[in-house]
Amino acid sequence: MRIAPPSHEILFLPDGETVLKHIEMAGRTCYKSEDKMTDDSAAGFVRRIVRSGHHSVVEHVNISVRFICDRGVSHELVRHRLAAYSQESTRYANYSKEKFGREITVIKPFFWDEGSPEYSEWQKAMEEAEKAYIRLIEMGARAEEARSVLPNSLKTEIVMTCNIREWLHVLGLRCSSAAHPQIREIMLPLLADLHERLPIFFDSLYEQYENDIVKFRKERSQTR
Protein backbone atom coordinates (compact mmCIF):
# COMPACT_ATOMS: atom_id res chain seq x y z
CA MET A 1 0.00 0.00 0.00
CA ARG A 2 1.22 3.46 -0.87
CA ILE A 3 0.39 6.58 1.16
CA ALA A 4 0.51 9.82 -0.84
CA PRO A 5 -0.12 13.54 -0.26
CA PRO A 6 -2.84 15.41 -2.15
CA SER A 7 -1.93 17.92 -4.84
CA HIS A 8 -3.18 20.01 -7.73
CA GLU A 9 -1.87 20.80 -11.21
CA ILE A 10 -3.19 23.51 -13.52
CA LEU A 11 -3.59 21.77 -16.87
CA PHE A 12 -5.04 24.56 -18.97
CA LEU A 13 -4.81 28.29 -18.40
CA PRO A 14 -3.88 30.77 -21.14
CA ASP A 15 -1.21 33.30 -20.21
CA GLY A 16 -2.43 36.24 -18.17
CA GLU A 17 -2.26 38.82 -20.95
CA THR A 18 -4.28 36.60 -23.28
CA VAL A 19 -6.93 36.11 -20.61
CA LEU A 20 -7.20 39.85 -19.96
CA LYS A 21 -7.46 40.78 -23.63
CA HIS A 22 -10.07 38.10 -24.29
CA ILE A 23 -12.25 39.26 -21.43
CA GLU A 24 -11.80 42.90 -22.41
CA MET A 25 -12.95 42.10 -25.92
CA ALA A 26 -16.06 40.34 -24.59
CA GLY A 27 -16.79 42.95 -21.96
CA ARG A 28 -16.49 45.97 -24.22
CA THR A 29 -19.20 44.46 -26.40
CA CYS A 30 -21.64 45.43 -23.65
CA TYR A 31 -20.67 49.09 -23.85
CA LYS A 32 -19.72 49.14 -27.55
CA SER A 33 -16.40 50.63 -26.53
CA GLU A 34 -14.16 48.42 -28.64
CA ASP A 35 -12.63 51.56 -30.14
CA LYS A 36 -11.02 52.27 -26.75
CA MET A 37 -8.99 49.05 -26.76
CA THR A 38 -5.24 49.64 -26.77
CA ASP A 39 -2.19 47.48 -26.19
CA ASP A 40 -2.30 48.19 -22.47
CA SER A 41 -6.00 48.82 -21.77
CA ALA A 42 -7.04 45.28 -20.81
CA ALA A 43 -5.81 45.21 -17.21
CA GLY A 44 -7.54 48.44 -16.23
CA PHE A 45 -10.79 47.49 -17.95
CA VAL A 46 -10.94 44.02 -16.35
CA ARG A 47 -10.07 45.43 -12.94
CA ARG A 48 -13.03 47.81 -13.20
CA ILE A 49 -15.30 44.98 -14.35
CA VAL A 50 -14.33 42.83 -11.37
CA ARG A 51 -14.76 45.67 -8.89
CA SER A 52 -18.17 46.58 -10.32
CA GLY A 53 -19.46 43.05 -9.80
CA HIS A 54 -20.13 42.52 -13.52
CA HIS A 55 -18.84 38.99 -13.11
CA SER A 56 -20.71 37.39 -16.01
CA VAL A 57 -17.93 38.75 -18.23
CA VAL A 58 -15.28 36.62 -16.55
CA GLU A 59 -17.19 33.48 -17.55
CA HIS A 60 -15.55 33.68 -20.97
CA VAL A 61 -12.32 31.96 -19.83
CA ASN A 62 -12.08 28.39 -18.56
CA ILE A 63 -9.39 26.86 -16.36
CA SER A 64 -8.71 23.12 -16.06
CA VAL A 65 -7.15 21.67 -12.89
CA ARG A 66 -6.13 18.11 -12.08
CA PHE A 67 -6.59 17.21 -8.43
CA ILE A 68 -5.03 14.23 -6.69
CA CYS A 69 -7.16 13.71 -3.61
CA ASP A 70 -9.14 11.04 -1.82
CA ARG A 71 -12.52 9.79 -3.00
CA GLY A 72 -14.31 11.58 -0.17
CA VAL A 73 -12.97 14.94 -1.31
CA SER A 74 -13.83 14.18 -4.94
CA HIS A 75 -17.44 13.57 -3.90
CA GLU A 76 -17.52 17.15 -2.60
CA LEU A 77 -15.90 18.56 -5.74
CA VAL A 78 -18.49 17.13 -8.12
CA ARG A 79 -21.29 18.87 -6.23
CA HIS A 80 -20.25 22.03 -8.10
CA ARG A 81 -22.39 21.46 -11.15
CA LEU A 82 -21.22 24.41 -13.29
CA ALA A 83 -18.11 22.46 -14.18
CA ALA A 84 -16.94 19.53 -16.29
CA TYR A 85 -15.26 16.52 -14.66
CA SER A 86 -13.20 13.54 -15.77
CA GLN A 87 -12.27 11.14 -12.98
CA GLU A 88 -10.19 8.00 -12.53
CA SER A 89 -12.62 5.09 -12.67
CA THR A 90 -12.52 2.31 -10.09
CA ARG A 91 -14.57 0.22 -12.53
CA TYR A 92 -11.71 0.05 -15.00
CA ALA A 93 -8.62 0.70 -12.85
CA ASN A 94 -7.57 -2.71 -11.51
CA TYR A 95 -5.13 -1.94 -8.71
CA SER A 96 -3.90 -5.53 -8.56
CA LYS A 97 -2.20 -5.00 -11.95
CA GLU A 98 1.48 -4.22 -12.39
CA LYS A 99 0.78 -0.72 -13.77
CA PHE A 100 -0.54 0.23 -10.32
CA GLY A 101 2.26 -1.57 -8.48
CA ARG A 102 -0.17 -4.29 -7.39
CA GLU A 103 -1.32 -2.06 -4.55
CA ILE A 104 -3.80 0.66 -3.72
CA THR A 105 -2.74 4.24 -3.06
CA VAL A 106 -4.42 6.19 -0.27
CA ILE A 107 -4.25 9.87 0.64
CA LYS A 108 -2.61 10.70 3.95
CA PRO A 109 -4.98 12.36 6.45
CA PHE A 110 -2.88 15.32 7.56
CA PHE A 111 -4.95 15.95 10.69
CA TRP A 112 -3.52 12.84 12.40
CA ASP A 113 0.18 12.71 13.25
CA GLU A 114 2.03 9.62 12.11
CA GLY A 115 2.41 7.26 15.05
CA SER A 116 -0.68 8.60 16.83
CA PRO A 117 -3.36 6.07 17.85
CA GLU A 118 -5.76 7.57 15.30
CA TYR A 119 -3.25 7.37 12.45
CA SER A 120 -2.31 3.80 13.35
CA GLU A 121 -5.97 2.77 13.39
CA TRP A 122 -6.54 4.44 10.02
CA GLN A 123 -3.46 2.78 8.50
CA LYS A 124 -4.55 -0.64 9.74
CA ALA A 125 -8.00 -0.14 8.19
CA MET A 126 -6.44 0.86 4.86
CA GLU A 127 -4.19 -2.21 4.84
CA GLU A 128 -7.16 -4.48 5.57
CA ALA A 129 -9.13 -2.87 2.73
CA GLU A 130 -6.23 -3.47 0.34
CA LYS A 131 -5.96 -7.12 1.39
CA ALA A 132 -9.68 -7.65 0.91
CA TYR A 133 -9.57 -6.00 -2.53
CA ILE A 134 -6.66 -8.13 -3.72
CA ARG A 135 -8.28 -11.30 -2.36
CA LEU A 136 -11.51 -10.56 -4.21
CA ILE A 137 -9.60 -10.03 -7.48
CA GLU A 138 -7.74 -13.32 -6.92
CA MET A 139 -11.09 -15.03 -6.34
CA GLY A 140 -12.22 -13.90 -9.78
CA ALA A 141 -14.05 -10.68 -9.00
CA ARG A 142 -13.90 -7.92 -11.57
CA ALA A 143 -12.43 -4.57 -10.57
CA GLU A 144 -15.89 -2.98 -10.65
CA GLU A 145 -17.04 -5.58 -8.10
CA ALA A 146 -13.97 -5.61 -5.87
CA ARG A 147 -14.10 -1.83 -5.53
CA SER A 148 -16.94 -2.31 -3.04
CA VAL A 149 -14.36 -2.68 -0.26
CA LEU A 150 -12.23 0.33 -1.23
CA PRO A 151 -12.15 3.18 1.32
CA ASN A 152 -12.93 6.90 1.07
CA SER A 153 -9.20 7.51 1.53
CA LEU A 154 -8.47 5.86 -1.83
CA LYS A 155 -6.43 8.18 -4.04
CA THR A 156 -8.23 9.44 -7.11
CA GLU A 157 -7.34 11.79 -9.95
CA ILE A 158 -10.02 14.18 -11.17
CA VAL A 159 -9.82 16.92 -13.79
CA MET A 160 -12.16 19.84 -13.17
CA THR A 161 -12.84 22.54 -15.75
CA CYS A 162 -14.93 25.66 -15.17
CA ASN A 163 -14.88 29.36 -15.89
CA ILE A 164 -13.19 31.96 -13.71
CA ARG A 165 -16.43 33.09 -12.12
CA GLU A 166 -17.21 29.54 -10.98
CA TRP A 167 -13.66 29.06 -9.69
CA LEU A 168 -14.14 32.17 -7.56
CA HIS A 169 -17.35 30.65 -6.20
CA VAL A 170 -15.78 27.24 -5.56
CA LEU A 171 -12.68 28.66 -3.90
CA GLY A 172 -14.75 31.01 -1.78
CA LEU A 173 -16.67 28.05 -0.37
CA ARG A 174 -13.91 25.48 -0.15
CA CYS A 175 -11.18 27.66 1.35
CA SER A 176 -13.48 28.66 4.19
CA SER A 177 -12.75 27.39 7.70
CA ALA A 178 -16.22 25.79 7.56
CA ALA A 179 -15.11 23.52 4.69
CA HIS A 180 -13.74 20.01 5.20
CA PRO A 181 -10.05 20.21 6.17
CA GLN A 182 -8.95 17.93 3.35
CA ILE A 183 -10.64 19.97 0.63
CA ARG A 184 -9.04 23.11 2.10
CA GLU A 185 -5.74 21.24 1.80
CA ILE A 186 -6.02 21.32 -2.00
CA MET A 187 -7.95 24.55 -2.47
CA LEU A 188 -5.75 26.93 -0.47
CA PRO A 189 -2.64 26.10 -2.56
CA LEU A 190 -4.72 26.36 -5.74
CA LEU A 191 -5.94 29.82 -4.73
CA ALA A 192 -2.34 30.92 -4.13
CA ASP A 193 -1.33 29.51 -7.53
CA LEU A 194 -4.17 31.18 -9.42
CA HIS A 195 -3.57 34.48 -7.62
CA GLU A 196 0.05 34.41 -8.72
CA ARG A 197 -0.97 33.88 -12.35
CA LEU A 198 -4.13 36.02 -12.49
CA PRO A 199 -3.99 38.48 -9.59
CA ILE A 200 -6.64 40.85 -10.96
CA PHE A 201 -9.32 38.17 -10.62
CA PHE A 202 -8.17 36.55 -7.37
CA ASP A 203 -6.81 39.53 -5.36
CA SER A 204 -9.84 39.92 -3.10
CA LEU A 205 -10.21 36.22 -2.35
CA TYR A 206 -6.48 35.82 -1.76
CA GLU A 207 -6.45 38.70 0.71
CA GLN A 208 -9.33 37.03 2.56
CA TYR A 209 -7.45 33.76 2.97
CA GLU A 210 -3.83 34.89 2.89
CA ASN A 211 -3.24 34.13 6.57
CA ASP A 212 -4.69 30.65 6.14
CA ILE A 213 -2.44 30.05 3.13
CA VAL A 214 0.67 31.15 5.05
CA LYS A 215 -0.32 28.96 8.00
CA PHE A 216 -0.98 26.01 5.70
CA ARG A 217 2.41 26.32 4.00
CA LYS A 218 4.16 26.50 7.37
CA GLU A 219 2.36 23.42 8.67
CA ARG A 220 3.07 21.42 5.51
CA SER A 221 6.78 22.31 5.57
CA GLN A 222 7.02 21.12 9.17
CA THR A 223 5.45 17.74 8.38
CA ARG A 224 7.73 16.90 5.46
C-alpha atoms as a PDB file:
ATOM      1  CA  MET A   1       0.000   0.000   0.000  1.00  0.00           C
ATOM      2  CA  ARG A   2       1.223   3.465  -0.869  1.00  0.00           C
ATOM      3  CA  ILE A   3       0.393   6.576   1.160  1.00  0.00           C
ATOM      4  CA  ALA A   4       0.514   9.816  -0.842  1.00  0.00           C
ATOM      5  CA  PRO A   5      -0.122  13.536  -0.255  1.00  0.00           C
ATOM      6  CA  PRO A   6      -2.844  15.411  -2.155  1.00  0.00           C
ATOM      7  CA  SER A   7      -1.932  17.919  -4.842  1.00  0.00           C
ATOM      8  CA  HIS A   8      -3.176  20.012  -7.733  1.00  0.00           C
ATOM      9  CA  GLU A   9      -1.870  20.801 -11.213  1.00  0.00           C
ATOM     10  CA  ILE A  10      -3.193  23.509 -13.517  1.00  0.00           C
ATOM     11  CA  LEU A  11      -3.589  21.769 -16.872  1.00  0.00           C
ATOM     12  CA  PHE A  12      -5.039  24.564 -18.972  1.00  0.00           C
ATOM     13  CA  LEU A  13      -4.810  28.292 -18.404  1.00  0.00           C
ATOM     14  CA  PRO A  14      -3.876  30.767 -21.135  1.00  0.00           C
ATOM     15  CA  ASP A  15      -1.210  33.305 -20.206  1.00  0.00           C
ATOM     16  CA  GLY A  16      -2.425  36.240 -18.172  1.00  0.00           C
ATOM     17  CA  GLU A  17      -2.258  38.821 -20.951  1.00  0.00           C
ATOM     18  CA  THR A  18      -4.283  36.595 -23.284  1.00  0.00           C
ATOM     19  CA  VAL A  19      -6.934  36.111 -20.607  1.00  0.00           C
ATOM     20  CA  LEU A  20      -7.204  39.853 -19.956  1.00  0.00           C
ATOM     21  CA  LYS A  21      -7.462  40.783 -23.632  1.00  0.00           C
ATOM     22  CA  HIS A  22     -10.069  38.098 -24.292  1.00  0.00           C
ATOM     23  CA  ILE A  23     -12.255  39.260 -21.426  1.00  0.00           C
ATOM     24  CA  GLU A  24     -11.796  42.901 -22.408  1.00  0.00           C
ATOM     25  CA  MET A  25     -12.948  42.095 -25.924  1.00  0.00           C
ATOM     26  CA  ALA A  26     -16.058  40.342 -24.594  1.00  0.00           C
ATOM     27  CA  GLY A  27     -16.789  42.946 -21.957  1.00  0.00           C
ATOM     28  CA  ARG A  28     -16.491  45.965 -24.224  1.00  0.00           C
ATOM     29  CA  THR A  29     -19.205  44.457 -26.404  1.00  0.00           C
ATOM     30  CA  CYS A  30     -21.643  45.431 -23.647  1.00  0.00           C
ATOM     31  CA  TYR A  31     -20.673  49.093 -23.853  1.00  0.00           C
ATOM     32  CA  LYS A  32     -19.719  49.138 -27.551  1.00  0.00           C
ATOM     33  CA  SER A  33     -16.401  50.634 -26.534  1.00  0.00           C
ATOM     34  CA  GLU A  34     -14.163  48.416 -28.639  1.00  0.00           C
ATOM     35  CA  ASP A  35     -12.632  51.556 -30.139  1.00  0.00           C
ATOM     36  CA  LYS A  36     -11.023  52.268 -26.748  1.00  0.00           C
ATOM     37  CA  MET A  37      -8.992  49.054 -26.758  1.00  0.00           C
ATOM     38  CA  THR A  38      -5.237  49.644 -26.772  1.00  0.00           C
ATOM     39  CA  ASP A  39      -2.188  47.479 -26.195  1.00  0.00           C
ATOM     40  CA  ASP A  40      -2.305  48.192 -22.472  1.00  0.00           C
ATOM     41  CA  SER A  41      -6.000  48.817 -21.767  1.00  0.00           C
ATOM     42  CA  ALA A  42      -7.036  45.284 -20.812  1.00  0.00           C
ATOM     43  CA  ALA A  43      -5.807  45.214 -17.213  1.00  0.00           C
ATOM     44  CA  GLY A  44      -7.543  48.443 -16.228  1.00  0.00           C
ATOM     45  CA  PHE A  45     -10.788  47.485 -17.947  1.00  0.00           C
ATOM     46  CA  VAL A  46     -10.937  44.022 -16.353  1.00  0.00           C
ATOM     47  CA  ARG A  47     -10.069  45.427 -12.935  1.00  0.00           C
ATOM     48  CA  ARG A  48     -13.032  47.813 -13.197  1.00  0.00           C
ATOM     49  CA  ILE A  49     -15.296  44.981 -14.347  1.00  0.00           C
ATOM     50  CA  VAL A  50     -14.330  42.828 -11.373  1.00  0.00           C
ATOM     51  CA  ARG A  51     -14.763  45.673  -8.892  1.00  0.00           C
ATOM     52  CA  SER A  52     -18.170  46.576 -10.316  1.00  0.00           C
ATOM     53  CA  GLY A  53     -19.456  43.045  -9.803  1.00  0.00           C
ATOM     54  CA  HIS A  54     -20.129  42.520 -13.518  1.00  0.00           C
ATOM     55  CA  HIS A  55     -18.836  38.986 -13.114  1.00  0.00           C
ATOM     56  CA  SER A  56     -20.710  37.391 -16.006  1.00  0.00           C
ATOM     57  CA  VAL A  57     -17.935  38.754 -18.231  1.00  0.00           C
ATOM     58  CA  VAL A  58     -15.275  36.616 -16.549  1.00  0.00           C
ATOM     59  CA  GLU A  59     -17.193  33.484 -17.548  1.00  0.00           C
ATOM     60  CA  HIS A  60     -15.549  33.682 -20.968  1.00  0.00           C
ATOM     61  CA  VAL A  61     -12.321  31.964 -19.827  1.00  0.00           C
ATOM     62  CA  ASN A  62     -12.083  28.388 -18.563  1.00  0.00           C
ATOM     63  CA  ILE A  63      -9.386  26.860 -16.363  1.00  0.00           C
ATOM     64  CA  SER A  64      -8.709  23.118 -16.059  1.00  0.00           C
ATOM     65  CA  VAL A  65      -7.154  21.674 -12.892  1.00  0.00           C
ATOM     66  CA  ARG A  66      -6.135  18.112 -12.078  1.00  0.00           C
ATOM     67  CA  PHE A  67      -6.589  17.206  -8.426  1.00  0.00           C
ATOM     68  CA  ILE A  68      -5.035  14.231  -6.685  1.00  0.00           C
ATOM     69  CA  CYS A  69      -7.155  13.708  -3.607  1.00  0.00           C
ATOM     70  CA  ASP A  70      -9.136  11.036  -1.819  1.00  0.00           C
ATOM     71  CA  ARG A  71     -12.519   9.787  -3.003  1.00  0.00           C
ATOM     72  CA  GLY A  72     -14.307  11.576  -0.175  1.00  0.00           C
ATOM     73  CA  VAL A  73     -12.968  14.943  -1.309  1.00  0.00           C
ATOM     74  CA  SER A  74     -13.832  14.178  -4.937  1.00  0.00           C
ATOM     75  CA  HIS A  75     -17.441  13.567  -3.901  1.00  0.00           C
ATOM     76  CA  GLU A  76     -17.519  17.145  -2.604  1.00  0.00           C
ATOM     77  CA  LEU A  77     -15.897  18.559  -5.739  1.00  0.00           C
ATOM     78  CA  VAL A  78     -18.488  17.134  -8.116  1.00  0.00           C
ATOM     79  CA  ARG A  79     -21.288  18.866  -6.230  1.00  0.00           C
ATOM     80  CA  HIS A  80     -20.252  22.030  -8.095  1.00  0.00           C
ATOM     81  CA  ARG A  81     -22.391  21.459 -11.148  1.00  0.00           C
ATOM     82  CA  LEU A  82     -21.223  24.408 -13.285  1.00  0.00           C
ATOM     83  CA  ALA A  83     -18.105  22.462 -14.177  1.00  0.00           C
ATOM     84  CA  ALA A  84     -16.943  19.530 -16.286  1.00  0.00           C
ATOM     85  CA  TYR A  85     -15.256  16.522 -14.660  1.00  0.00           C
ATOM     86  CA  SER A  86     -13.203  13.544 -15.771  1.00  0.00           C
ATOM     87  CA  GLN A  87     -12.268  11.137 -12.983  1.00  0.00           C
ATOM     88  CA  GLU A  88     -10.191   7.995 -12.525  1.00  0.00           C
ATOM     89  CA  SER A  89     -12.623   5.091 -12.671  1.00  0.00           C
ATOM     90  CA  THR A  90     -12.524   2.311 -10.092  1.00  0.00           C
ATOM     91  CA  ARG A  91     -14.572   0.219 -12.531  1.00  0.00           C
ATOM     92  CA  TYR A  92     -11.707   0.048 -15.001  1.00  0.00           C
ATOM     93  CA  ALA A  93      -8.618   0.699 -12.854  1.00  0.00           C
ATOM     94  CA  ASN A  94      -7.574  -2.709 -11.506  1.00  0.00           C
ATOM     95  CA  TYR A  95      -5.130  -1.940  -8.706  1.00  0.00           C
ATOM     96  CA  SER A  96      -3.900  -5.529  -8.563  1.00  0.00           C
ATOM     97  CA  LYS A  97      -2.201  -5.001 -11.945  1.00  0.00           C
ATOM     98  CA  GLU A  98       1.483  -4.219 -12.393  1.00  0.00           C
ATOM     99  CA  LYS A  99       0.778  -0.718 -13.766  1.00  0.00           C
ATOM    100  CA  PHE A 100      -0.541   0.228 -10.316  1.00  0.00           C
ATOM    101  CA  GLY A 101       2.265  -1.571  -8.475  1.00  0.00           C
ATOM    102  CA  ARG A 102      -0.174  -4.290  -7.388  1.00  0.00           C
ATOM    103  CA  GLU A 103      -1.325  -2.058  -4.553  1.00  0.00           C
ATOM    104  CA  ILE A 104      -3.796   0.656  -3.723  1.00  0.00           C
ATOM    105  CA  THR A 105      -2.743   4.236  -3.056  1.00  0.00           C
ATOM    106  CA  VAL A 106      -4.417   6.191  -0.274  1.00  0.00           C
ATOM    107  CA  ILE A 107      -4.252   9.875   0.643  1.00  0.00           C
ATOM    108  CA  LYS A 108      -2.609  10.698   3.948  1.00  0.00           C
ATOM    109  CA  PRO A 109      -4.976  12.359   6.451  1.00  0.00           C
ATOM    110  CA  PHE A 110      -2.880  15.322   7.560  1.00  0.00           C
ATOM    111  CA  PHE A 111      -4.951  15.948  10.690  1.00  0.00           C
ATOM    112  CA  TRP A 112      -3.523  12.835  12.401  1.00  0.00           C
ATOM    113  CA  ASP A 113       0.175  12.708  13.252  1.00  0.00           C
ATOM    114  CA  GLU A 114       2.035   9.615  12.107  1.00  0.00           C
ATOM    115  CA  GLY A 115       2.414   7.261  15.051  1.00  0.00           C
ATOM    116  CA  SER A 116      -0.675   8.599  16.827  1.00  0.00           C
ATOM    117  CA  PRO A 117      -3.363   6.070  17.854  1.00  0.00           C
ATOM    118  CA  GLU A 118      -5.764   7.573  15.302  1.00  0.00           C
ATOM    119  CA  TYR A 119      -3.247   7.373  12.453  1.00  0.00           C
ATOM    120  CA  SER A 120      -2.311   3.804  13.350  1.00  0.00           C
ATOM    121  CA  GLU A 121      -5.970   2.768  13.386  1.00  0.00           C
ATOM    122  CA  TRP A 122      -6.536   4.438  10.022  1.00  0.00           C
ATOM    123  CA  GLN A 123      -3.464   2.784   8.501  1.00  0.00           C
ATOM    124  CA  LYS A 124      -4.555  -0.635   9.741  1.00  0.00           C
ATOM    125  CA  ALA A 125      -7.997  -0.139   8.189  1.00  0.00           C
ATOM    126  CA  MET A 126      -6.437   0.860   4.864  1.00  0.00           C
ATOM    127  CA  GLU A 127      -4.192  -2.207   4.844  1.00  0.00           C
ATOM    128  CA  GLU A 128      -7.158  -4.484   5.571  1.00  0.00           C
ATOM    129  CA  ALA A 129      -9.128  -2.867   2.728  1.00  0.00           C
ATOM    130  CA  GLU A 130      -6.234  -3.474   0.341  1.00  0.00           C
ATOM    131  CA  LYS A 131      -5.956  -7.117   1.389  1.00  0.00           C
ATOM    132  CA  ALA A 132      -9.684  -7.654   0.906  1.00  0.00           C
ATOM    133  CA  TYR A 133      -9.569  -5.995  -2.533  1.00  0.00           C
ATOM    134  CA  ILE A 134      -6.659  -8.126  -3.723  1.00  0.00           C
ATOM    135  CA  ARG A 135      -8.283 -11.299  -2.357  1.00  0.00           C
ATOM    136  CA  LEU A 136     -11.511 -10.560  -4.214  1.00  0.00           C
ATOM    137  CA  ILE A 137      -9.603 -10.025  -7.479  1.00  0.00           C
ATOM    138  CA  GLU A 138      -7.742 -13.315  -6.922  1.00  0.00           C
ATOM    139  CA  MET A 139     -11.089 -15.032  -6.341  1.00  0.00           C
ATOM    140  CA  GLY A 140     -12.219 -13.903  -9.783  1.00  0.00           C
ATOM    141  CA  ALA A 141     -14.055 -10.683  -9.001  1.00  0.00           C
ATOM    142  CA  ARG A 142     -13.899  -7.916 -11.570  1.00  0.00           C
ATOM    143  CA  ALA A 143     -12.426  -4.569 -10.568  1.00  0.00           C
ATOM    144  CA  GLU A 144     -15.892  -2.984 -10.646  1.00  0.00           C
ATOM    145  CA  GLU A 145     -17.036  -5.577  -8.105  1.00  0.00           C
ATOM    146  CA  ALA A 146     -13.971  -5.611  -5.871  1.00  0.00           C
ATOM    147  CA  ARG A 147     -14.104  -1.826  -5.531  1.00  0.00           C
ATOM    148  CA  SER A 148     -16.937  -2.310  -3.040  1.00  0.00           C
ATOM    149  CA  VAL A 149     -14.357  -2.683  -0.257  1.00  0.00           C
ATOM    150  CA  LEU A 150     -12.230   0.328  -1.231  1.00  0.00           C
ATOM    151  CA  PRO A 151     -12.149   3.178   1.316  1.00  0.00           C
ATOM    152  CA  ASN A 152     -12.931   6.900   1.074  1.00  0.00           C
ATOM    153  CA  SER A 153      -9.202   7.514   1.531  1.00  0.00           C
ATOM    154  CA  LEU A 154      -8.475   5.861  -1.832  1.00  0.00           C
ATOM    155  CA  LYS A 155      -6.431   8.184  -4.039  1.00  0.00           C
ATOM    156  CA  THR A 156      -8.232   9.437  -7.112  1.00  0.00           C
ATOM    157  CA  GLU A 157      -7.343  11.794  -9.950  1.00  0.00           C
ATOM    158  CA  ILE A 158     -10.020  14.176 -11.168  1.00  0.00           C
ATOM    159  CA  VAL A 159      -9.823  16.924 -13.790  1.00  0.00           C
ATOM    160  CA  MET A 160     -12.160  19.844 -13.168  1.00  0.00           C
ATOM    161  CA  THR A 161     -12.844  22.543 -15.752  1.00  0.00           C
ATOM    162  CA  CYS A 162     -14.926  25.659 -15.174  1.00  0.00           C
ATOM    163  CA  ASN A 163     -14.881  29.358 -15.886  1.00  0.00           C
ATOM    164  CA  ILE A 164     -13.187  31.959 -13.711  1.00  0.00           C
ATOM    165  CA  ARG A 165     -16.433  33.085 -12.118  1.00  0.00           C
ATOM    166  CA  GLU A 166     -17.206  29.538 -10.981  1.00  0.00           C
ATOM    167  CA  TRP A 167     -13.661  29.062  -9.692  1.00  0.00           C
ATOM    168  CA  LEU A 168     -14.142  32.169  -7.559  1.00  0.00           C
ATOM    169  CA  HIS A 169     -17.346  30.651  -6.203  1.00  0.00           C
ATOM    170  CA  VAL A 170     -15.779  27.243  -5.563  1.00  0.00           C
ATOM    171  CA  LEU A 171     -12.680  28.660  -3.895  1.00  0.00           C
ATOM    172  CA  GLY A 172     -14.748  31.014  -1.778  1.00  0.00           C
ATOM    173  CA  LEU A 173     -16.673  28.055  -0.371  1.00  0.00           C
ATOM    174  CA  ARG A 174     -13.913  25.477  -0.154  1.00  0.00           C
ATOM    175  CA  CYS A 175     -11.181  27.664   1.347  1.00  0.00           C
ATOM    176  CA  SER A 176     -13.483  28.661   4.185  1.00  0.00           C
ATOM    177  CA  SER A 177     -12.752  27.394   7.701  1.00  0.00           C
ATOM    178  CA  ALA A 178     -16.224  25.794   7.556  1.00  0.00           C
ATOM    179  CA  ALA A 179     -15.106  23.519   4.691  1.00  0.00           C
ATOM    180  CA  HIS A 180     -13.741  20.009   5.197  1.00  0.00           C
ATOM    181  CA  PRO A 181     -10.048  20.215   6.169  1.00  0.00           C
ATOM    182  CA  GLN A 182      -8.950  17.933   3.349  1.00  0.00           C
ATOM    183  CA  ILE A 183     -10.638  19.970   0.627  1.00  0.00           C
ATOM    184  CA  ARG A 184      -9.040  23.114   2.098  1.00  0.00           C
ATOM    185  CA  GLU A 185      -5.737  21.237   1.801  1.00  0.00           C
ATOM    186  CA  ILE A 186      -6.015  21.317  -2.001  1.00  0.00           C
ATOM    187  CA  MET A 187      -7.952  24.550  -2.465  1.00  0.00           C
ATOM    188  CA  LEU A 188      -5.755  26.929  -0.467  1.00  0.00           C
ATOM    189  CA  PRO A 189      -2.643  26.097  -2.562  1.00  0.00           C
ATOM    190  CA  LEU A 190      -4.715  26.357  -5.737  1.00  0.00           C
ATOM    191  CA  LEU A 191      -5.938  29.821  -4.734  1.00  0.00           C
ATOM    192  CA  ALA A 192      -2.344  30.918  -4.135  1.00  0.00           C
ATOM    193  CA  ASP A 193      -1.329  29.508  -7.531  1.00  0.00           C
ATOM    194  CA  LEU A 194      -4.170  31.179  -9.419  1.00  0.00           C
ATOM    195  CA  HIS A 195      -3.571  34.476  -7.620  1.00  0.00           C
ATOM    196  CA  GLU A 196       0.053  34.411  -8.715  1.00  0.00           C
ATOM    197  CA  ARG A 197      -0.967  33.881 -12.355  1.00  0.00           C
ATOM    198  CA  LEU A 198      -4.127  36.024 -12.493  1.00  0.00           C
ATOM    199  CA  PRO A 199      -3.989  38.484  -9.590  1.00  0.00           C
ATOM    200  CA  ILE A 200      -6.636  40.851 -10.964  1.00  0.00           C
ATOM    201  CA  PHE A 201      -9.315  38.167 -10.618  1.00  0.00           C
ATOM    202  CA  PHE A 202      -8.171  36.555  -7.368  1.00  0.00           C
ATOM    203  CA  ASP A 203      -6.815  39.531  -5.357  1.00  0.00           C
ATOM    204  CA  SER A 204      -9.842  39.924  -3.103  1.00  0.00           C
ATOM    205  CA  LEU A 205     -10.206  36.222  -2.349  1.00  0.00           C
ATOM    206  CA  TYR A 206      -6.478  35.823  -1.760  1.00  0.00           C
ATOM    207  CA  GLU A 207      -6.454  38.701   0.711  1.00  0.00           C
ATOM    208  CA  GLN A 208      -9.332  37.032   2.560  1.00  0.00           C
ATOM    209  CA  TYR A 209      -7.445  33.758   2.969  1.00  0.00           C
ATOM    210  CA  GLU A 210      -3.828  34.893   2.885  1.00  0.00           C
ATOM    211  CA  ASN A 211      -3.240  34.134   6.573  1.00  0.00           C
ATOM    212  CA  ASP A 212      -4.687  30.651   6.135  1.00  0.00           C
ATOM    213  CA  ILE A 213      -2.440  30.045   3.125  1.00  0.00           C
ATOM    214  CA  VAL A 214       0.668  31.148   5.048  1.00  0.00           C
ATOM    215  CA  LYS A 215      -0.318  28.962   7.997  1.00  0.00           C
ATOM    216  CA  PHE A 216      -0.983  26.014   5.697  1.00  0.00           C
ATOM    217  CA  ARG A 217       2.413  26.322   4.005  1.00  0.00           C
ATOM    218  CA  LYS A 218       4.163  26.495   7.366  1.00  0.00           C
ATOM    219  CA  GLU A 219       2.360  23.417   8.668  1.00  0.00           C
ATOM    220  CA  ARG A 220       3.066  21.421   5.508  1.00  0.00           C
ATOM    221  CA  SER A 221       6.783  22.314   5.568  1.00  0.00           C
ATOM    222  CA  GLN A 222       7.017  21.124   9.175  1.00  0.00           C
ATOM    223  CA  THR A 223       5.448  17.745   8.382  1.00  0.00           C
ATOM    224  CA  ARG A 224       7.725  16.895   5.459  1.00  0.00           C
END
